[in-house]
C-alpha atoms as a PDB file:
ATOM      1  CA  MET A   1    -108.825   4.756   5.799  1.00  0.00           C
ATOM      2  CA  SER A   2    -109.913   8.389   5.548  1.00  0.00           C
ATOM      3  CA  ASP A   3    -113.163  10.242   4.862  1.00  0.00           C
ATOM      4  CA  ALA A   4    -114.131  11.989   1.623  1.00  0.00           C
ATOM      5  CA  TYR A   5    -117.293  13.041  -0.216  1.00  0.00           C
ATOM      6  CA  CYS A   6    -118.815  10.340  -2.469  1.00  0.00           C
ATOM      7  CA  THR A   7    -120.747  11.684  -5.457  1.00  0.00           C
ATOM      8  CA  ASP A   8    -122.965   8.582  -5.594  1.00  0.00           C
ATOM      9  CA  CYS A   9    -123.750   8.344  -1.876  1.00  0.00           C
ATOM     10  CA  LYS A  10    -124.107  12.144  -1.671  1.00  0.00           C
ATOM     11  CA  LYS A  11    -122.345  12.182   1.677  1.00  0.00           C
ATOM     12  CA  GLU A  12    -119.028  11.856   3.478  1.00  0.00           C
ATOM     13  CA  THR A  13    -117.945   8.175   3.503  1.00  0.00           C
ATOM     14  CA  GLU A  14    -114.867   6.220   4.435  1.00  0.00           C
ATOM     15  CA  LEU A  15    -112.400   5.522   1.648  1.00  0.00           C
ATOM     16  CA  VAL A  16    -110.592   2.279   0.910  1.00  0.00           C
ATOM     17  CA  PHE A  17    -107.199   2.286  -0.834  1.00  0.00           C
ATOM     18  CA  ASP A  18    -106.419  -0.582  -3.207  1.00  0.00           C
ATOM     19  CA  HIS A  19    -102.609  -0.374  -3.292  1.00  0.00           C
ATOM     20  CA  SER A  20    -102.177  -3.094  -5.927  1.00  0.00           C
ATOM     21  CA  ALA A  21    -104.347  -1.248  -8.456  1.00  0.00           C
ATOM     22  CA  GLY A  22    -103.715   2.281  -7.220  1.00  0.00           C
ATOM     23  CA  ASP A  23    -107.458   2.935  -6.813  1.00  0.00           C
ATOM     24  CA  THR A  24    -109.376   4.854  -4.160  1.00  0.00           C
ATOM     25  CA  LEU A  25    -112.873   3.465  -3.554  1.00  0.00           C
ATOM     26  CA  CYS A  26    -115.942   4.397  -1.530  1.00  0.00           C
ATOM     27  CA  SER A  27    -116.377   1.868   1.286  1.00  0.00           C
ATOM     28  CA  GLU A  28    -120.195   1.896   0.975  1.00  0.00           C
ATOM     29  CA  CYS A  29    -121.013   1.841  -2.762  1.00  0.00           C
ATOM     30  CA  GLY A  30    -117.647   0.788  -4.197  1.00  0.00           C
ATOM     31  CA  LEU A  31    -117.366   3.743  -6.592  1.00  0.00           C
ATOM     32  CA  VAL A  32    -113.807   4.349  -7.796  1.00  0.00           C
ATOM     33  CA  LEU A  33    -113.140   7.951  -6.824  1.00  0.00           C
ATOM     34  CA  GLU A  34    -109.505   8.004  -8.023  1.00  0.00           C
ATOM     35  CA  SER A  35    -107.608   5.549 -10.205  1.00  0.00           C
ATOM     36  CA  HIS A  36    -103.955   4.858 -10.913  1.00  0.00           C
ATOM     37  CA  SER A  37    -102.734   7.019  -8.060  1.00  0.00           C
ATOM     38  CA  ILE A  38     -98.983   7.155  -7.529  1.00  0.00           C
ATOM     39  CA  ASP A  39     -97.503   5.907  -4.272  1.00  0.00           C
ATOM     40  CA  GLU A  40     -94.820   8.450  -3.370  1.00  0.00           C
ATOM     41  CA  THR A  41     -93.549   6.607  -0.300  1.00  0.00           C
ATOM     42  CA  SER A  42     -90.188   4.815  -0.288  1.00  0.00           C
ATOM     43  CA  GLU A  43     -90.049   1.619  -2.313  1.00  0.00           C
ATOM     44  CA  TRP A  44     -87.410  -0.083  -0.153  1.00  0.00           C
ATOM     45  CA  ARG A  45     -87.307  -1.594   3.273  1.00  0.00           C
ATOM     46  CA  THR A  46     -84.311  -1.375   5.586  1.00  0.00           C
ATOM     47  CA  PHE A  47     -82.890  -4.790   6.458  1.00  0.00           C
ATOM     48  CA  ALA A  48     -80.102  -3.497   8.732  1.00  0.00           C
ATOM     49  CA  ASN A  49     -79.493  -4.928  12.202  1.00  0.00           C
ATOM     50  CA  GLU A  50     -80.457  -1.683  13.879  1.00  0.00           C
ATOM     51  CA  SER A  51     -83.607   0.278  13.181  1.00  0.00           C
ATOM     52  CA  SER A  52     -81.635   3.531  13.415  1.00  0.00           C
ATOM     53  CA  ASN A  53     -79.512   2.586  10.400  1.00  0.00           C
ATOM     54  CA  SER A  54     -80.822   4.510   7.405  1.00  0.00           C
ATOM     55  CA  ASP A  55     -78.936   2.445   4.813  1.00  0.00           C
ATOM     56  CA  PRO A  56     -81.567   1.135   2.325  1.00  0.00           C
ATOM     57  CA  ASN A  57     -79.200  -1.254   0.546  1.00  0.00           C
ATOM     58  CA  ARG A  58     -80.402  -4.827   0.419  1.00  0.00           C
ATOM     59  CA  VAL A  59     -78.789  -6.021  -2.805  1.00  0.00           C
ATOM     60  CA  GLY A  60     -75.341  -5.910  -4.379  1.00  0.00           C
ATOM     61  CA  GLY A  61     -74.253  -4.157  -7.547  1.00  0.00           C
ATOM     62  CA  PRO A  62     -75.242  -5.253 -11.040  1.00  0.00           C
ATOM     63  CA  THR A  63     -73.755  -8.510 -12.262  1.00  0.00           C
ATOM     64  CA  ASN A  64     -70.833  -8.349 -14.656  1.00  0.00           C
ATOM     65  CA  PRO A  65     -70.043 -11.445 -16.744  1.00  0.00           C
ATOM     66  CA  LEU A  66     -66.432 -10.284 -17.118  1.00  0.00           C
ATOM     67  CA  LEU A  67     -65.787 -10.602 -13.377  1.00  0.00           C
ATOM     68  CA  ALA A  68     -65.191 -13.988 -11.771  1.00  0.00           C
ATOM     69  CA  ASP A  69     -67.045 -13.075  -8.566  1.00  0.00           C
ATOM     70  CA  SER A  70     -69.585 -11.030 -10.480  1.00  0.00           C
ATOM     71  CA  ALA A  71     -71.253  -8.630  -8.037  1.00  0.00           C
ATOM     72  CA  LEU A  72     -71.421 -11.085  -5.112  1.00  0.00           C
ATOM     73  CA  THR A  73     -69.249 -10.001  -2.195  1.00  0.00           C
ATOM     74  CA  THR A  74     -69.260 -10.324   1.597  1.00  0.00           C
ATOM     75  CA  VAL A  75     -68.934  -7.396   3.995  1.00  0.00           C
ATOM     76  CA  ILE A  76     -68.012  -8.071   7.644  1.00  0.00           C
ATOM     77  CA  ALA A  77     -70.031  -5.895   9.971  1.00  0.00           C
ATOM     78  CA  LYS A  78     -68.581  -3.522  12.567  1.00  0.00           C
ATOM     79  CA  PRO A  79     -68.832  -4.381  16.278  1.00  0.00           C
ATOM     80  CA  ASP A  80     -71.990  -2.284  16.630  1.00  0.00           C
ATOM     81  CA  GLY A  81     -73.716  -4.324  13.922  1.00  0.00           C
ATOM     82  CA  SER A  82     -73.728  -1.643  11.227  1.00  0.00           C
ATOM     83  CA  SER A  83     -72.499  -2.416   7.730  1.00  0.00           C
ATOM     84  CA  GLY A  84     -69.158  -1.245   6.376  1.00  0.00           C
ATOM     85  CA  ASP A  85     -65.516  -2.272   6.322  1.00  0.00           C
ATOM     86  CA  PHE A  86     -64.470  -3.517   9.745  1.00  0.00           C
ATOM     87  CA  LEU A  87     -60.725  -2.866   9.713  1.00  0.00           C
ATOM     88  CA  SER A  88     -60.046  -2.780  13.450  1.00  0.00           C
ATOM     89  CA  SER A  89     -59.444  -6.522  13.653  1.00  0.00           C
ATOM     90  CA  SER A  90     -57.189  -8.925  11.803  1.00  0.00           C
ATOM     91  CA  LEU A  91     -60.274 -10.664  10.388  1.00  0.00           C
ATOM     92  CA  GLY A  92     -61.612  -7.401   8.990  1.00  0.00           C
ATOM     93  CA  ARG A  93     -58.267  -6.462   7.460  1.00  0.00           C
ATOM     94  CA  TRP A  94     -57.883  -9.905   5.898  1.00  0.00           C
ATOM     95  CA  GLN A  95     -61.384  -9.810   4.490  1.00  0.00           C
ATOM     96  CA  ASN A  96     -60.811  -6.355   3.032  1.00  0.00           C
ATOM     97  CA  ARG A  97     -57.551  -7.503   1.440  1.00  0.00           C
ATOM     98  CA  ASN A  98     -59.025 -10.595  -0.188  1.00  0.00           C
ATOM     99  CA  SER A  99     -62.703  -9.712  -0.606  1.00  0.00           C
ATOM    100  CA  ASN A 100     -62.464  -9.430  -4.370  1.00  0.00           C
ATOM    101  CA  SER A 101     -60.004 -11.211  -6.611  1.00  0.00           C
ATOM    102  CA  ASP A 102     -61.050  -8.948  -9.487  1.00  0.00           C
ATOM    103  CA  ARG A 103     -60.057  -5.692  -7.819  1.00  0.00           C
ATOM    104  CA  GLY A 104     -57.615  -4.819 -10.604  1.00  0.00           C
ATOM    105  CA  LEU A 105     -60.229  -5.456 -13.277  1.00  0.00           C
ATOM    106  CA  ILE A 106     -62.817  -3.400 -11.421  1.00  0.00           C
ATOM    107  CA  GLN A 107     -60.424  -0.457 -11.270  1.00  0.00           C
ATOM    108  CA  ALA A 108     -59.631  -0.873 -14.979  1.00  0.00           C
ATOM    109  CA  PHE A 109     -63.328  -0.954 -15.886  1.00  0.00           C
ATOM    110  CA  LYS A 110     -63.957   2.190 -13.821  1.00  0.00           C
ATOM    111  CA  THR A 111     -61.162   4.042 -15.613  1.00  0.00           C
ATOM    112  CA  ILE A 112     -62.382   2.889 -19.032  1.00  0.00           C
ATOM    113  CA  ALA A 113     -65.918   3.985 -18.103  1.00  0.00           C
ATOM    114  CA  THR A 114     -64.634   7.442 -17.114  1.00  0.00           C
ATOM    115  CA  MET A 115     -62.689   7.796 -20.369  1.00  0.00           C
ATOM    116  CA  SER A 116     -65.705   6.603 -22.344  1.00  0.00           C
ATOM    117  CA  GLU A 117     -67.974   9.101 -20.628  1.00  0.00           C
ATOM    118  CA  ARG A 118     -65.584  11.982 -21.336  1.00  0.00           C
ATOM    119  CA  LEU A 119     -65.617  11.049 -25.033  1.00  0.00           C
ATOM    120  CA  GLY A 120     -69.395  10.676 -25.073  1.00  0.00           C
ATOM    121  CA  LEU A 121     -69.229   7.065 -26.243  1.00  0.00           C
ATOM    122  CA  VAL A 122     -72.184   4.684 -26.130  1.00  0.00           C
ATOM    123  CA  ALA A 123     -72.313   1.766 -23.701  1.00  0.00           C
ATOM    124  CA  THR A 124     -71.629  -0.847 -26.399  1.00  0.00           C
ATOM    125  CA  ILE A 125     -68.205   0.682 -27.084  1.00  0.00           C
ATOM    126  CA  LYS A 126     -67.371   0.800 -23.380  1.00  0.00           C
ATOM    127  CA  ASP A 127     -68.398  -2.845 -22.978  1.00  0.00           C
ATOM    128  CA  ARG A 128     -66.305  -3.847 -25.996  1.00  0.00           C
ATOM    129  CA  ALA A 129     -63.280  -2.044 -24.517  1.00  0.00           C
ATOM    130  CA  ASN A 130     -63.823  -3.860 -21.202  1.00  0.00           C
ATOM    131  CA  GLU A 131     -63.954  -7.168 -23.040  1.00  0.00           C
ATOM    132  CA  ILE A 132     -60.706  -6.433 -24.891  1.00  0.00           C
ATOM    133  CA  TYR A 133     -58.917  -5.526 -21.653  1.00  0.00           C
ATOM    134  CA  LYS A 134     -60.280  -8.645 -19.921  1.00  0.00           C
ATOM    135  CA  ARG A 135     -58.853 -10.865 -22.689  1.00  0.00           C
ATOM    136  CA  LEU A 136     -55.526  -9.089 -22.303  1.00  0.00           C
ATOM    137  CA  GLU A 137     -55.599  -9.515 -18.526  1.00  0.00           C
ATOM    138  CA  ASP A 138     -56.434 -13.225 -18.795  1.00  0.00           C
ATOM    139  CA  GLN A 139     -53.134 -13.726 -20.623  1.00  0.00           C
ATOM    140  CA  LYS A 140     -51.265 -11.743 -17.949  1.00  0.00           C
ATOM    141  CA  SER A 141     -50.108  -9.471 -20.764  1.00  0.00           C
ATOM    142  CA  SER A 142     -50.874  -6.117 -19.152  1.00  0.00           C
ATOM    143  CA  ARG A 143     -48.385  -6.278 -16.290  1.00  0.00           C
ATOM    144  CA  GLY A 144     -45.462  -3.876 -16.383  1.00  0.00           C
ATOM    145  CA  ARG A 145     -47.039  -1.699 -19.068  1.00  0.00           C
ATOM    146  CA  ASN A 146     -48.535   1.774 -19.050  1.00  0.00           C
ATOM    147  CA  GLN A 147     -52.056   1.010 -17.894  1.00  0.00           C
ATOM    148  CA  ASP A 148     -53.569   4.321 -19.028  1.00  0.00           C
ATOM    149  CA  ALA A 149     -52.150   3.743 -22.521  1.00  0.00           C
ATOM    150  CA  LEU A 150     -53.672   0.235 -22.531  1.00  0.00           C
ATOM    151  CA  TYR A 151     -57.087   1.551 -21.424  1.00  0.00           C
ATOM    152  CA  ALA A 152     -57.000   4.226 -24.127  1.00  0.00           C
ATOM    153  CA  ALA A 153     -55.869   1.708 -26.765  1.00  0.00           C
ATOM    154  CA  CYS A 154     -58.720  -0.636 -25.804  1.00  0.00           C
ATOM    155  CA  LEU A 155     -61.176   2.222 -26.340  1.00  0.00           C
ATOM    156  CA  TYR A 156     -59.558   3.105 -29.675  1.00  0.00           C
ATOM    157  CA  ILE A 157     -59.876  -0.493 -30.896  1.00  0.00           C
ATOM    158  CA  ALA A 158     -63.442  -0.765 -29.578  1.00  0.00           C
ATOM    159  CA  CYS A 159     -64.438   2.406 -31.450  1.00  0.00           C
ATOM    160  CA  ARG A 160     -62.978   0.999 -34.653  1.00  0.00           C
ATOM    161  CA  GLN A 161     -64.721  -2.342 -34.247  1.00  0.00           C
ATOM    162  CA  GLU A 162     -68.076  -0.672 -33.502  1.00  0.00           C
ATOM    163  CA  ASP A 163     -67.757   1.537 -36.623  1.00  0.00           C
ATOM    164  CA  LYS A 164     -67.573   4.697 -34.492  1.00  0.00           C
ATOM    165  CA  PRO A 165     -63.877   5.535 -34.896  1.00  0.00           C
ATOM    166  CA  ARG A 166     -62.047   8.215 -32.953  1.00  0.00           C
ATOM    167  CA  THR A 167     -58.673   9.651 -33.836  1.00  0.00           C
ATOM    168  CA  ILE A 168     -55.628   8.913 -31.706  1.00  0.00           C
ATOM    169  CA  LYS A 169     -55.512  12.613 -30.824  1.00  0.00           C
ATOM    170  CA  GLU A 170     -59.084  12.520 -29.539  1.00  0.00           C
ATOM    171  CA  ILE A 171     -58.303   9.455 -27.442  1.00  0.00           C
ATOM    172  CA  CYS A 172     -55.088  11.058 -26.180  1.00  0.00           C
ATOM    173  CA  VAL A 173     -57.009  13.971 -24.636  1.00  0.00           C
ATOM    174  CA  ILE A 174     -58.734  11.672 -22.120  1.00  0.00           C
ATOM    175  CA  ALA A 175     -55.846   9.213 -21.615  1.00  0.00           C
ATOM    176  CA  ASN A 176     -54.643  10.597 -18.256  1.00  0.00           C
ATOM    177  CA  GLY A 177     -51.285  11.727 -19.603  1.00  0.00           C
ATOM    178  CA  ALA A 178     -50.544   8.847 -21.989  1.00  0.00           C
ATOM    179  CA  THR A 179     -48.930  10.151 -25.190  1.00  0.00           C
ATOM    180  CA  LYS A 180     -49.932   9.418 -28.788  1.00  0.00           C
ATOM    181  CA  LYS A 181     -46.825   7.283 -29.202  1.00  0.00           C
ATOM    182  CA  GLU A 182     -47.608   5.250 -26.063  1.00  0.00           C
ATOM    183  CA  ILE A 183     -51.224   4.697 -27.134  1.00  0.00           C
ATOM    184  CA  GLY A 184     -50.099   3.709 -30.629  1.00  0.00           C
ATOM    185  CA  ARG A 185     -47.620   1.201 -29.229  1.00  0.00           C
ATOM    186  CA  ALA A 186     -50.240  -0.153 -26.829  1.00  0.00           C
ATOM    187  CA  LYS A 187     -52.685  -0.552 -29.715  1.00  0.00           C
ATOM    188  CA  ASP A 188     -50.141  -2.481 -31.787  1.00  0.00           C
ATOM    189  CA  TYR A 189     -49.295  -4.659 -28.769  1.00  0.00           C
ATOM    190  CA  ILE A 190     -52.965  -5.479 -28.086  1.00  0.00           C
ATOM    191  CA  VAL A 191     -53.636  -6.345 -31.722  1.00  0.00           C
ATOM    192  CA  LYS A 192     -50.567  -8.602 -31.812  1.00  0.00           C
ATOM    193  CA  THR A 193     -51.359 -10.293 -28.482  1.00  0.00           C
ATOM    194  CA  LEU A 194     -55.028 -10.959 -29.257  1.00  0.00           C
ATOM    195  CA  GLY A 195     -54.060 -12.161 -32.720  1.00  0.00           C
ATOM    196  CA  LEU A 196     -51.730 -14.761 -31.195  1.00  0.00           C
ATOM    197  CA  GLU A 197     -54.506 -15.810 -28.805  1.00  0.00           C
ATOM    198  CA  THR A 198     -57.000 -16.601 -31.568  1.00  0.00           C
ATOM    199  CA  GLY A 199     -54.583 -17.428 -34.335  1.00  0.00           C
ATOM    200  CA  GLN A 200     -56.302 -14.831 -36.523  1.00  0.00           C
ATOM    201  CA  SER A 201     -55.647 -11.172 -37.201  1.00  0.00           C
ATOM    202  CA  VAL A 202     -57.754  -8.737 -35.200  1.00  0.00           C
ATOM    203  CA  GLU A 203     -60.278  -6.906 -37.368  1.00  0.00           C
ATOM    204  CA  LEU A 204     -60.290  -3.176 -36.687  1.00  0.00           C
ATOM    205  CA  GLY A 205     -62.705  -2.141 -39.405  1.00  0.00           C
ATOM    206  CA  THR A 206     -62.116   0.287 -42.253  1.00  0.00           C
ATOM    207  CA  ILE A 207     -61.964   4.008 -41.546  1.00  0.00           C
ATOM    208  CA  HIS A 208     -63.750   6.373 -43.919  1.00  0.00           C
ATOM    209  CA  ALA A 209     -63.491  10.148 -43.979  1.00  0.00           C
ATOM    210  CA  GLY A 210     -67.256  10.342 -43.555  1.00  0.00           C
ATOM    211  CA  ASP A 211     -66.982   8.667 -40.143  1.00  0.00           C
ATOM    212  CA  PHE A 212     -65.515  11.871 -38.707  1.00  0.00           C
ATOM    213  CA  MET A 213     -67.422  14.438 -40.731  1.00  0.00           C
ATOM    214  CA  ARG A 214     -70.467  15.127 -38.571  1.00  0.00           C
ATOM    215  CA  ARG A 215     -68.419  15.351 -35.367  1.00  0.00           C
ATOM    216  CA  PHE A 216     -65.818  17.676 -36.895  1.00  0.00           C
ATOM    217  CA  CYS A 217     -68.538  19.878 -38.393  1.00  0.00           C
ATOM    218  CA  SER A 218     -70.268  20.039 -35.030  1.00  0.00           C
ATOM    219  CA  ASN A 219     -67.017  21.127 -33.367  1.00  0.00           C
ATOM    220  CA  LEU A 220     -66.832  24.010 -35.843  1.00  0.00           C
ATOM    221  CA  GLY A 221     -70.479  25.001 -35.415  1.00  0.00           C
ATOM    222  CA  MET A 222     -71.303  24.586 -39.109  1.00  0.00           C
ATOM    223  CA  SER A 223     -74.883  24.917 -40.359  1.00  0.00           C
ATOM    224  CA  ASN A 224     -76.954  21.884 -41.351  1.00  0.00           C
ATOM    225  CA  HIS A 225     -76.817  23.060 -44.973  1.00  0.00           C
ATOM    226  CA  ALA A 226     -73.007  23.075 -44.922  1.00  0.00           C
ATOM    227  CA  VAL A 227     -72.836  19.757 -43.068  1.00  0.00           C
ATOM    228  CA  LYS A 228     -75.001  18.095 -45.719  1.00  0.00           C
ATOM    229  CA  ALA A 229     -72.750  19.459 -48.467  1.00  0.00           C
ATOM    230  CA  ALA A 230     -69.623  18.285 -46.647  1.00  0.00           C
ATOM    231  CA  GLN A 231     -71.013  14.775 -46.194  1.00  0.00           C
ATOM    232  CA  GLU A 232     -71.942  14.543 -49.862  1.00  0.00           C
ATOM    233  CA  ALA A 233     -68.548  15.869 -50.962  1.00  0.00           C
ATOM    234  CA  VAL A 234     -66.593  13.473 -48.781  1.00  0.00           C
ATOM    235  CA  ALA A 235     -68.642  10.540 -50.081  1.00  0.00           C
ATOM    236  CA  LYS A 236     -67.792  11.497 -53.672  1.00  0.00           C
ATOM    237  CA  SER A 237     -64.113  11.878 -52.801  1.00  0.00           C
ATOM    238  CA  GLU A 238     -63.902   8.126 -52.145  1.00  0.00           C
ATOM    239  CA  GLU A 239     -64.436   7.530 -55.874  1.00  0.00           C
ATOM    240  CA  PHE A 240     -60.987   8.960 -56.602  1.00  0.00           C
ATOM    241  CA  ASP A 241     -57.519   7.684 -55.747  1.00  0.00           C
ATOM    242  CA  ILE A 242     -56.546  10.335 -53.226  1.00  0.00           C
ATOM    243  CA  ARG A 243     -53.664   8.928 -51.238  1.00  0.00           C
ATOM    244  CA  ARG A 244     -54.286  10.752 -48.009  1.00  0.00           C
ATOM    245  CA  SER A 245     -55.569   9.571 -44.656  1.00  0.00           C
ATOM    246  CA  PRO A 246     -59.359   9.737 -44.154  1.00  0.00           C
ATOM    247  CA  ILE A 247     -58.897  12.325 -41.408  1.00  0.00           C
ATOM    248  CA  SER A 248     -56.863  14.581 -43.710  1.00  0.00           C
ATOM    249  CA  ILE A 249     -59.473  14.272 -46.476  1.00  0.00           C
ATOM    250  CA  ALA A 250     -62.234  15.148 -44.012  1.00  0.00           C
ATOM    251  CA  ALA A 251     -60.313  18.264 -42.926  1.00  0.00           C
ATOM    252  CA  VAL A 252     -59.746  19.402 -46.532  1.00  0.00           C
ATOM    253  CA  VAL A 253     -63.399  18.878 -47.481  1.00  0.00           C
ATOM    254  CA  ILE A 254     -64.478  20.937 -44.475  1.00  0.00           C
ATOM    255  CA  TYR A 255     -62.092  23.714 -45.532  1.00  0.00           C
ATOM    256  CA  ILE A 256     -63.488  23.724 -49.083  1.00  0.00           C
ATOM    257  CA  ILE A 257     -67.129  23.719 -47.996  1.00  0.00           C
ATOM    258  CA  THR A 258     -66.659  26.483 -45.428  1.00  0.00           C
ATOM    259  CA  GLN A 259     -64.757  28.658 -47.920  1.00  0.00           C
ATOM    260  CA  LEU A 260     -67.678  28.326 -50.339  1.00  0.00           C
ATOM    261  CA  SER A 261     -70.133  29.499 -47.678  1.00  0.00           C
ATOM    262  CA  ASP A 262     -70.727  32.838 -45.981  1.00  0.00           C
ATOM    263  CA  ASP A 263     -69.542  31.392 -42.664  1.00  0.00           C
ATOM    264  CA  LYS A 264     -65.886  30.861 -43.524  1.00  0.00           C
ATOM    265  CA  LYS A 265     -63.604  29.044 -41.078  1.00  0.00           C
ATOM    266  CA  SER A 266     -59.909  29.756 -40.703  1.00  0.00           C
ATOM    267  CA  LEU A 267     -57.326  27.095 -41.385  1.00  0.00           C
ATOM    268  CA  LYS A 268     -56.268  27.289 -37.745  1.00  0.00           C
ATOM    269  CA  ASP A 269     -59.813  26.615 -36.492  1.00  0.00           C
ATOM    270  CA  ILE A 270     -60.198  23.625 -38.815  1.00  0.00           C
ATOM    271  CA  SER A 271     -56.819  22.268 -37.698  1.00  0.00           C
ATOM    272  CA  THR A 272     -57.861  22.568 -34.044  1.00  0.00           C
ATOM    273  CA  ALA A 273     -61.268  20.919 -34.599  1.00  0.00           C
ATOM    274  CA  THR A 274     -59.932  18.002 -36.652  1.00  0.00           C
ATOM    275  CA  GLY A 275     -56.505  17.507 -35.103  1.00  0.00           C
ATOM    276  CA  VAL A 276     -54.865  17.705 -38.551  1.00  0.00           C
ATOM    277  CA  ALA A 277     -51.825  19.950 -38.905  1.00  0.00           C
ATOM    278  CA  GLU A 278     -52.203  23.051 -41.065  1.00  0.00           C
ATOM    279  CA  GLY A 279     -49.363  21.923 -43.326  1.00  0.00           C
ATOM    280  CA  THR A 280     -51.054  18.568 -43.879  1.00  0.00           C
ATOM    281  CA  ILE A 281     -54.302  20.295 -44.842  1.00  0.00           C
ATOM    282  CA  ARG A 282     -52.441  22.449 -47.389  1.00  0.00           C
ATOM    283  CA  ASN A 283     -50.709  19.462 -48.982  1.00  0.00           C
ATOM    284  CA  SER A 284     -53.907  17.405 -49.026  1.00  0.00           C
ATOM    285  CA  TYR A 285     -55.738  20.285 -50.693  1.00  0.00           C
ATOM    286  CA  LYS A 286     -53.315  20.082 -53.625  1.00  0.00           C
ATOM    287  CA  ASP A 287     -54.143  16.390 -54.087  1.00  0.00           C
ATOM    288  CA  LEU A 288     -57.878  17.033 -53.892  1.00  0.00           C
ATOM    289  CA  TYR A 289     -57.996  20.160 -56.078  1.00  0.00           C
ATOM    290  CA  PRO A 290     -57.946  18.377 -59.510  1.00  0.00           C
ATOM    291  CA  HIS A 291     -61.175  16.597 -58.570  1.00  0.00           C
ATOM    292  CA  LEU A 292     -62.841  19.624 -56.986  1.00  0.00           C
ATOM    293  CA  SER A 293     -65.507  20.155 -59.667  1.00  0.00           C
ATOM    294  CA  LYS A 294     -66.705  16.551 -59.301  1.00  0.00           C
ATOM    295  CA  ILE A 295     -66.553  16.464 -55.528  1.00  0.00           C
ATOM    296  CA  ALA A 296     -68.296  19.703 -54.556  1.00  0.00           C
ATOM    297  CA  PRO A 297     -72.118  19.380 -54.800  1.00  0.00           C
ATOM    298  CA  SER A 298     -73.507  21.343 -57.737  1.00  0.00           C
ATOM    299  CA  TRP A 299     -76.482  22.509 -55.644  1.00  0.00           C
ATOM    300  CA  TYR A 300     -74.106  24.016 -53.098  1.00  0.00           C
ATOM    301  CA  ALA A 301     -71.510  25.761 -55.274  1.00  0.00           C
ATOM    302  CA  LYS A 302     -71.387  27.012 -58.849  1.00  0.00           C
ATOM    303  CA  GLU A 303     -68.443  26.473 -61.162  1.00  0.00           C
ATOM    304  CA  GLU A 304     -67.530  30.148 -60.855  1.00  0.00           C
ATOM    305  CA  ASP A 305     -67.292  29.787 -57.087  1.00  0.00           C
ATOM    306  CA  LEU A 306     -64.904  26.855 -57.455  1.00  0.00           C
ATOM    307  CA  LYS A 307     -62.631  28.825 -59.789  1.00  0.00           C
ATOM    308  CA  ASN A 308     -62.456  31.696 -57.289  1.00  0.00           C
ATOM    309  CA  LEU A 309     -61.731  29.377 -54.360  1.00  0.00           C
ATOM    310  CA  SER A 310     -58.485  30.338 -52.651  1.00  0.00           C
ATOM    311  CA  SER A 311     -56.025  27.687 -51.553  1.00  0.00           C
ATOM    312  CA  PRO A 312     -55.191  27.432 -47.845  1.00  0.00           C
END
């Protein structure tokens, strides 16, 4: 207890702290002088063998339903009683070697988490990728294959299934050296293997050009006005039979919208932001041009502007 001035008692009185409620009360009249105070002291207690050990850990990691041992493990203490890997004896070395039967999966999940973080993906996509890899590992189908390509392919499939698709080129950037061809082969292998497991084809979801639009526009630093026009234009483009990939259509629409604005983007910049080759954008533009007047929003561009639009 400590002393403080009580406004009711009109004098210095002893204070009582109610830690459960966070209140400070006068010991004589019971007036609440301060409420909901925050306890800034440490929340944890140290349960180590020695009082000098500053390790606050008293619980394991979070549980993971994809791991057989979940987060429950045993750590053999060192001779001085402190926690940590005790490798100076045969017992410590044996325990370290066999402490977790899911070591390979844990490493895979860590790598997938790192890739997911670099792409800015949400946790649901990362968890779906972990689940896909776990199913593959249960069938012993991942051995002898390029693991980085498998991790990247799992993320690619997870993005498709969660309706947040990424291009193979985007995935390739964070794939630790795995090539587009290797990731593509790994993706086909996973789809085939999981299809045989369930007896049904693996659903990857349908890709639309609009799925990439906002991200590509953001990469180019386009204004909100231009982004809105691009999204509307790409939605209208799906009404026509344009036999080009959704990514190519998205790149062409971005080229058209930026050329109709004051903030024009070069073909090279659009190619870099979308991952679509300049030649592909040119050829796709020819397929899209006959429908240009119906695709471009009338509130964004006049008919005169469309006639004066230069081809890439």
